[in-house]
């Protein structure tokens, strides 16, 4: 999870706001306290493969350079 965010060059707060994920949830995932499940896991896989597609779909104002695929 952290690798996906770092490849996007976003802080936790920016990543969370950009993709509609609560910051606290993101912290739990990155610490390993919890694991994403269901729709959140699907969203993270799509973000890892093509974050700009998600940004376009959500209408987010953030620009993210196209990263290489990073497995979650």
PDB file of N, CA and C in Angstrom:
ATOM      1  N   UNK A   1       0.824  -1.198   0.000  1.00  0.00           N
ATOM      2  CA  UNK A   1       0.000   0.000   0.000  1.00  0.00           C
ATOM      3  C   UNK A   1       0.862   1.252   0.000  1.00  0.00           C
ATOM      4  N   UNK A   2       1.834   1.281   0.897  1.00  0.00           N
ATOM      5  CA  UNK A   2       2.709   2.451   0.998  1.00  0.00           C
ATOM      6  C   UNK A   2       3.443   2.688  -0.327  1.00  0.00           C
ATOM      7  N   UNK A   3       3.871   1.603  -0.972  1.00  0.00           N
ATOM      8  CA  UNK A   3       4.610   1.740  -2.231  1.00  0.00           C
ATOM      9  C   UNK A   3       3.760   2.422  -3.299  1.00  0.00           C
ATOM     10  N   UNK A   4       2.485   2.106  -3.350  1.00  0.00           N
ATOM     11  CA  UNK A   4       1.582   2.723  -4.326  1.00  0.00           C
ATOM     12  C   UNK A   4       1.515   4.227  -4.071  1.00  0.00           C
ATOM     13  N   UNK A   5       1.352   4.615  -2.817  1.00  0.00           N
ATOM     14  CA  UNK A   5       1.267   6.033  -2.460  1.00  0.00           C
ATOM     15  C   UNK A   5       2.577   6.749  -2.736  1.00  0.00           C
ATOM     16  N   UNK A   6       3.683   6.116  -2.397  1.00  0.00           N
ATOM     17  CA  UNK A   6       4.974   6.751  -2.601  1.00  0.00           C
ATOM     18  C   UNK A   6       5.301   6.917  -4.084  1.00  0.00           C
ATOM     19  N   UNK A   7       4.910   5.946  -4.908  1.00  0.00           N
ATOM     20  CA  UNK A   7       5.135   6.072  -6.349  1.00  0.00           C
ATOM     21  C   UNK A   7       4.339   7.235  -6.914  1.00  0.00           C
ATOM     22  N   UNK A   8       3.197   7.500  -6.317  1.00  0.00           N
ATOM     23  CA  UNK A   8       2.368   8.628  -6.745  1.00  0.00           C
ATOM     24  C   UNK A   8       2.915   9.956  -6.209  1.00  0.00           C
ATOM     25  N   UNK A   9       3.907   9.874  -5.305  1.00  0.00           N
ATOM     26  CA  UNK A   9       4.540  11.059  -4.725  1.00  0.00           C
ATOM     27  C   UNK A   9       3.531  11.947  -4.000  1.00  0.00           C
ATOM     28  N   UNK A  10       2.665  11.285  -3.229  1.00  0.00           N
ATOM     29  CA  UNK A  10       1.662  12.001  -2.454  1.00  0.00           C
ATOM     30  C   UNK A  10       1.844  11.679  -0.978  1.00  0.00           C
ATOM     31  N   UNK A  11       1.566  12.665  -0.135  1.00  0.00           N
ATOM     32  CA  UNK A  11       1.551  12.411   1.301  1.00  0.00           C
ATOM     33  C   UNK A  11       0.336  11.544   1.620  1.00  0.00           C
ATOM     34  N   UNK A  12       0.281  11.050   2.838  1.00  0.00           N
ATOM     35  CA  UNK A  12      -0.894  10.267   3.240  1.00  0.00           C
ATOM     36  C   UNK A  12      -2.165  11.093   3.111  1.00  0.00           C
ATOM     37  N   UNK A  13      -2.094  12.343   3.565  1.00  0.00           N
ATOM     38  CA  UNK A  13      -3.278  13.213   3.517  1.00  0.00           C
ATOM     39  C   UNK A  13      -3.694  13.485   2.071  1.00  0.00           C
ATOM     40  N   UNK A  14      -2.737  13.746   1.194  1.00  0.00           N
ATOM     41  CA  UNK A  14      -3.058  14.003  -0.212  1.00  0.00           C
ATOM     42  C   UNK A  14      -3.657  12.774  -0.876  1.00  0.00           C
ATOM     43  N   UNK A  15      -3.034  11.608  -0.658  1.00  0.00           N
ATOM     44  CA  UNK A  15      -3.518  10.363  -1.249  1.00  0.00           C
ATOM     45  C   UNK A  15      -4.941  10.075  -0.769  1.00  0.00           C
ATOM     46  N   UNK A  16      -5.154  10.219   0.521  1.00  0.00           N
ATOM     47  CA  UNK A  16      -6.474   9.960   1.097  1.00  0.00           C
ATOM     48  C   UNK A  16      -7.529  10.891   0.499  1.00  0.00           C
ATOM     49  N   UNK A  17      -7.217  12.180   0.425  1.00  0.00           N
ATOM     50  CA  UNK A  17      -8.170  13.152  -0.127  1.00  0.00           C
ATOM     51  C   UNK A  17      -8.407  12.899  -1.606  1.00  0.00           C
ATOM     52  N   UNK A  18      -7.352  12.599  -2.331  1.00  0.00           N
ATOM     53  CA  UNK A  18      -7.447  12.377  -3.774  1.00  0.00           C
ATOM     54  C   UNK A  18      -8.363  11.198  -4.114  1.00  0.00           C
ATOM     55  N   UNK A  19      -8.258  10.121  -3.337  1.00  0.00           N
ATOM     56  CA  UNK A  19      -8.995   8.907  -3.663  1.00  0.00           C
ATOM     57  C   UNK A  19     -10.168   8.610  -2.726  1.00  0.00           C
ATOM     58  N   UNK A  20     -10.496   9.554  -1.859  1.00  0.00           N
ATOM     59  CA  UNK A  20     -11.672   9.401  -1.007  1.00  0.00           C
ATOM     60  C   UNK A  20     -11.531   8.339   0.068  1.00  0.00           C
ATOM     61  N   UNK A  21     -10.318   8.209   0.599  1.00  0.00           N
ATOM     62  CA  UNK A  21     -10.047   7.221   1.647  1.00  0.00           C
ATOM     63  C   UNK A  21      -9.774   7.994   2.936  1.00  0.00           C
ATOM     64  N   UNK A  22     -10.407   7.649   4.044  1.00  0.00           N
ATOM     65  CA  UNK A  22     -10.086   8.338   5.303  1.00  0.00           C
ATOM     66  C   UNK A  22      -8.606   8.174   5.648  1.00  0.00           C
ATOM     67  N   UNK A  23      -7.967   9.242   6.100  1.00  0.00           N
ATOM     68  CA  UNK A  23      -6.537   9.207   6.427  1.00  0.00           C
ATOM     69  C   UNK A  23      -6.253   8.136   7.473  1.00  0.00           C
ATOM     70  N   UNK A  24      -7.101   8.042   8.454  1.00  0.00           N
ATOM     71  CA  UNK A  24      -6.890   7.054   9.516  1.00  0.00           C
ATOM     72  C   UNK A  24      -6.924   5.625   8.962  1.00  0.00           C
ATOM     73  N   UNK A  25      -7.803   5.370   8.026  1.00  0.00           N
ATOM     74  CA  UNK A  25      -7.869   4.055   7.389  1.00  0.00           C
ATOM     75  C   UNK A  25      -6.570   3.780   6.645  1.00  0.00           C
ATOM     76  N   UNK A  26      -6.086   4.761   5.913  1.00  0.00           N
ATOM     77  CA  UNK A  26      -4.830   4.621   5.185  1.00  0.00           C
ATOM     78  C   UNK A  26      -3.676   4.325   6.146  1.00  0.00           C
ATOM     79  N   UNK A  27      -3.652   5.015   7.265  1.00  0.00           N
ATOM     80  CA  UNK A  27      -2.610   4.760   8.279  1.00  0.00           C
ATOM     81  C   UNK A  27      -2.658   3.324   8.775  1.00  0.00           C
ATOM     82  N   UNK A  28      -3.845   2.836   9.057  1.00  0.00           N
ATOM     83  CA  UNK A  28      -3.991   1.448   9.528  1.00  0.00           C
ATOM     84  C   UNK A  28      -3.483   0.464   8.475  1.00  0.00           C
ATOM     85  N   UNK A  29      -3.814   0.705   7.208  1.00  0.00           N
ATOM     86  CA  UNK A  29      -3.355  -0.182   6.135  1.00  0.00           C
ATOM     87  C   UNK A  29      -1.840  -0.171   6.032  1.00  0.00           C
ATOM     88  N   UNK A  30      -1.263   1.024   6.094  1.00  0.00           N
ATOM     89  CA  UNK A  30       0.185   1.127   5.935  1.00  0.00           C
ATOM     90  C   UNK A  30       0.942   0.553   7.132  1.00  0.00           C
ATOM     91  N   UNK A  31       0.376   0.650   8.299  1.00  0.00           N
ATOM     92  CA  UNK A  31       1.011   0.057   9.486  1.00  0.00           C
ATOM     93  C   UNK A  31       0.812  -1.451   9.542  1.00  0.00           C
ATOM     94  N   UNK A  32      -0.157  -1.942   8.803  1.00  0.00           N
ATOM     95  CA  UNK A  32      -0.446  -3.370   8.827  1.00  0.00           C
ATOM     96  C   UNK A  32      -1.440  -3.772   9.897  1.00  0.00           C
ATOM     97  N   UNK A  33      -2.050  -2.785  10.555  1.00  0.00           N
ATOM     98  CA  UNK A  33      -3.058  -3.079  11.580  1.00  0.00           C
ATOM     99  C   UNK A  33      -4.296  -3.714  10.952  1.00  0.00           C
ATOM    100  N   UNK A  34      -4.596  -3.269   9.752  1.00  0.00           N
ATOM    101  CA  UNK A  34      -5.767  -3.758   9.021  1.00  0.00           C
ATOM    102  C   UNK A  34      -5.373  -3.964   7.562  1.00  0.00           C
ATOM    103  N   UNK A  35      -6.177  -4.737   6.867  1.00  0.00           N
ATOM    104  CA  UNK A  35      -5.958  -4.949   5.441  1.00  0.00           C
ATOM    105  C   UNK A  35      -7.186  -4.474   4.681  1.00  0.00           C
ATOM    106  N   UNK A  36      -6.968  -3.834   3.531  1.00  0.00           N
ATOM    107  CA  UNK A  36      -8.124  -3.414   2.733  1.00  0.00           C
ATOM    108  C   UNK A  36      -8.874  -4.639   2.224  1.00  0.00           C
ATOM    109  N   UNK A  37     -10.198  -4.528   2.174  1.00  0.00           N
ATOM    110  CA  UNK A  37     -11.030  -5.630   1.696  1.00  0.00           C
ATOM    111  C   UNK A  37     -12.082  -5.096   0.747  1.00  0.00           C
ATOM    112  N   UNK A  38     -12.681  -5.974   0.010  1.00  0.00           N
ATOM    113  CA  UNK A  38     -13.817  -5.642  -0.843  1.00  0.00           C
ATOM    114  C   UNK A  38     -13.521  -4.545  -1.838  1.00  0.00           C
ATOM    115  N   UNK A  39     -14.424  -3.566  -1.905  1.00  0.00           N
ATOM    116  CA  UNK A  39     -14.320  -2.483  -2.884  1.00  0.00           C
ATOM    117  C   UNK A  39     -13.047  -1.662  -2.686  1.00  0.00           C
ATOM    118  N   UNK A  40     -12.600  -1.488  -1.442  1.00  0.00           N
ATOM    119  CA  UNK A  40     -11.368  -0.731  -1.187  1.00  0.00           C
ATOM    120  C   UNK A  40     -10.171  -1.430  -1.813  1.00  0.00           C
ATOM    121  N   UNK A  41     -10.127  -2.742  -1.718  1.00  0.00           N
ATOM    122  CA  UNK A  41      -9.033  -3.498  -2.308  1.00  0.00           C
ATOM    123  C   UNK A  41      -9.043  -3.388  -3.827  1.00  0.00           C
ATOM    124  N   UNK A  42     -10.221  -3.449  -4.409  1.00  0.00           N
ATOM    125  CA  UNK A  42     -10.349  -3.279  -5.861  1.00  0.00           C
ATOM    126  C   UNK A  42      -9.867  -1.886  -6.265  1.00  0.00           C
ATOM    127  N   UNK A  43     -10.309  -0.865  -5.542  1.00  0.00           N
ATOM    128  CA  UNK A  43      -9.888   0.504  -5.837  1.00  0.00           C
ATOM    129  C   UNK A  43      -8.366   0.628  -5.768  1.00  0.00           C
ATOM    130  N   UNK A  44      -7.753   0.048  -4.758  1.00  0.00           N
ATOM    131  CA  UNK A  44      -6.302   0.137  -4.613  1.00  0.00           C
ATOM    132  C   UNK A  44      -5.569  -0.561  -5.753  1.00  0.00           C
ATOM    133  N   UNK A  45      -6.104  -1.665  -6.227  1.00  0.00           N
ATOM    134  CA  UNK A  45      -5.492  -2.348  -7.375  1.00  0.00           C
ATOM    135  C   UNK A  45      -5.583  -1.490  -8.631  1.00  0.00           C
ATOM    136  N   UNK A  46      -6.703  -0.837  -8.816  1.00  0.00           N
ATOM    137  CA  UNK A  46      -6.856   0.050  -9.979  1.00  0.00           C
ATOM    138  C   UNK A  46      -5.913   1.249  -9.843  1.00  0.00           C
ATOM    139  N   UNK A  47      -5.815   1.810  -8.654  1.00  0.00           N
ATOM    140  CA  UNK A  47      -4.891   2.920  -8.425  1.00  0.00           C
ATOM    141  C   UNK A  47      -3.463   2.492  -8.723  1.00  0.00           C
ATOM    142  N   UNK A  48      -3.091   1.292  -8.301  1.00  0.00           N
ATOM    143  CA  UNK A  48      -1.730   0.800  -8.539  1.00  0.00           C
ATOM    144  C   UNK A  48      -1.440   0.673 -10.031  1.00  0.00           C
ATOM    145  N   UNK A  49      -2.424   0.277 -10.804  1.00  0.00           N
ATOM    146  CA  UNK A  49      -2.226   0.090 -12.248  1.00  0.00           C
ATOM    147  C   UNK A  49      -2.381   1.368 -13.049  1.00  0.00           C
ATOM    148  N   UNK A  50      -3.380   2.183 -12.707  1.00  0.00           N
ATOM    149  CA  UNK A  50      -3.641   3.384 -13.496  1.00  0.00           C
ATOM    150  C   UNK A  50      -4.290   4.456 -12.620  1.00  0.00           C
ATOM    151  N   UNK A  51      -3.493   5.123 -11.791  1.00  0.00           N
ATOM    152  CA  UNK A  51      -4.072   6.104 -10.870  1.00  0.00           C
ATOM    153  C   UNK A  51      -4.783   7.239 -11.597  1.00  0.00           C
ATOM    154  N   UNK A  52      -4.309   7.602 -12.777  1.00  0.00           N
ATOM    155  CA  UNK A  52      -4.947   8.701 -13.497  1.00  0.00           C
ATOM    156  C   UNK A  52      -6.355   8.345 -13.943  1.00  0.00           C
ATOM    157  N   UNK A  53      -6.626   7.079 -14.202  1.00  0.00           N
ATOM    158  CA  UNK A  53      -7.989   6.665 -14.565  1.00  0.00           C
ATOM    159  C   UNK A  53      -8.935   6.924 -13.394  1.00  0.00           C
ATOM    160  N   UNK A  54      -8.479   6.625 -12.195  1.00  0.00           N
ATOM    161  CA  UNK A  54      -9.310   6.844 -11.008  1.00  0.00           C
ATOM    162  C   UNK A  54      -9.484   8.346 -10.774  1.00  0.00           C
ATOM    163  N   UNK A  55      -8.405   9.095 -10.947  1.00  0.00           N
ATOM    164  CA  UNK A  55      -8.476  10.545 -10.771  1.00  0.00           C
ATOM    165  C   UNK A  55      -9.467  11.153 -11.758  1.00  0.00           C
ATOM    166  N   UNK A  56      -9.408  10.701 -13.009  1.00  0.00           N
ATOM    167  CA  UNK A  56     -10.366  11.202 -14.012  1.00  0.00           C
ATOM    168  C   UNK A  56     -11.795  10.847 -13.618  1.00  0.00           C
ATOM    169  N   UNK A  57     -11.997   9.619 -13.173  1.00  0.00           N
ATOM    170  CA  UNK A  57     -13.341   9.170 -12.819  1.00  0.00           C
ATOM    171  C   UNK A  57     -13.891   9.933 -11.616  1.00  0.00           C
ATOM    172  N   UNK A  58     -13.020  10.249 -10.672  1.00  0.00           N
ATOM    173  CA  UNK A  58     -13.452  10.955  -9.469  1.00  0.00           C
ATOM    174  C   UNK A  58     -13.462  12.467  -9.643  1.00  0.00           C
ATOM    175  N   UNK A  59     -12.835  12.945 -10.713  1.00  0.00           N
ATOM    176  CA  UNK A  59     -12.755  14.382 -10.919  1.00  0.00           C
ATOM    177  C   UNK A  59     -11.829  15.055  -9.919  1.00  0.00           C
ATOM    178  N   UNK A  60     -10.821  14.325  -9.438  1.00  0.00           N
ATOM    179  CA  UNK A  60      -9.891  14.864  -8.459  1.00  0.00           C
ATOM    180  C   UNK A  60      -8.984  15.912  -9.098  1.00  0.00           C
ATOM    181  N   UNK A  61      -8.639  16.961  -8.354  1.00  0.00           N
ATOM    182  CA  UNK A  61      -7.778  18.019  -8.900  1.00  0.00           C
ATOM    183  C   UNK A  61      -6.296  17.667  -8.902  1.00  0.00           C
ATOM    184  N   UNK A  62      -5.909  16.517  -8.364  1.00  0.00           N
ATOM    185  CA  UNK A  62      -4.497  16.158  -8.269  1.00  0.00           C
ATOM    186  C   UNK A  62      -3.951  15.632  -9.584  1.00  0.00           C
ATOM    187  N   UNK A  63      -2.703  15.942  -9.828  1.00  0.00           N
ATOM    188  CA  UNK A  63      -1.984  15.361 -10.961  1.00  0.00           C
ATOM    189  C   UNK A  63      -1.046  14.309 -10.402  1.00  0.00           C
ATOM    190  N   UNK A  64      -1.060  13.138 -11.002  1.00  0.00           N
ATOM    191  CA  UNK A  64      -0.139  12.081 -10.599  1.00  0.00           C
ATOM    192  C   UNK A  64       0.584  11.600 -11.839  1.00  0.00           C
ATOM    193  N   UNK A  65       1.924  11.621 -11.816  1.00  0.00           N
ATOM    194  CA  UNK A  65       2.648  11.081 -12.970  1.00  0.00           C
ATOM    195  C   UNK A  65       2.326   9.602 -13.120  1.00  0.00           C
ATOM    196  N   UNK A  66       2.425   9.092 -14.319  1.00  0.00           N
ATOM    197  CA  UNK A  66       2.106   7.683 -14.553  1.00  0.00           C
ATOM    198  C   UNK A  66       3.211   6.820 -13.963  1.00  0.00           C
ATOM    199  N   UNK A  67       2.911   6.082 -12.873  1.00  0.00           N
ATOM    200  CA  UNK A  67       3.920   5.210 -12.297  1.00  0.00           C
ATOM    201  C   UNK A  67       3.867   3.826 -12.937  1.00  0.00           C
ATOM    202  N   UNK A  68       4.924   3.082 -12.746  1.00  0.00           N
ATOM    203  CA  UNK A  68       4.880   1.678 -13.149  1.00  0.00           C
ATOM    204  C   UNK A  68       3.981   0.956 -12.164  1.00  0.00           C
ATOM    205  N   UNK A  69       3.445  -0.173 -12.579  1.00  0.00           N
ATOM    206  CA  UNK A  69       2.561  -0.957 -11.719  1.00  0.00           C
ATOM    207  C   UNK A  69       3.313  -1.385 -10.464  1.00  0.00           C
ATOM    208  N   UNK A  70       2.708  -1.166  -9.324  1.00  0.00           N
ATOM    209  CA  UNK A  70       3.278  -1.581  -8.054  1.00  0.00           C
ATOM    210  C   UNK A  70       2.280  -2.494  -7.383  1.00  0.00           C
ATOM    211  N   UNK A  71       2.590  -3.779  -7.219  1.00  0.00           N
ATOM    212  CA  UNK A  71       1.639  -4.676  -6.551  1.00  0.00           C
ATOM    213  C   UNK A  71       1.379  -4.229  -5.120  1.00  0.00           C
ATOM    214  N   UNK A  72       0.172  -4.443  -4.662  1.00  0.00           N
ATOM    215  CA  UNK A  72      -0.223  -4.024  -3.310  1.00  0.00           C
ATOM    216  C   UNK A  72       0.244  -5.068  -2.322  1.00  0.00           C
TER     217      UNK A  72
END
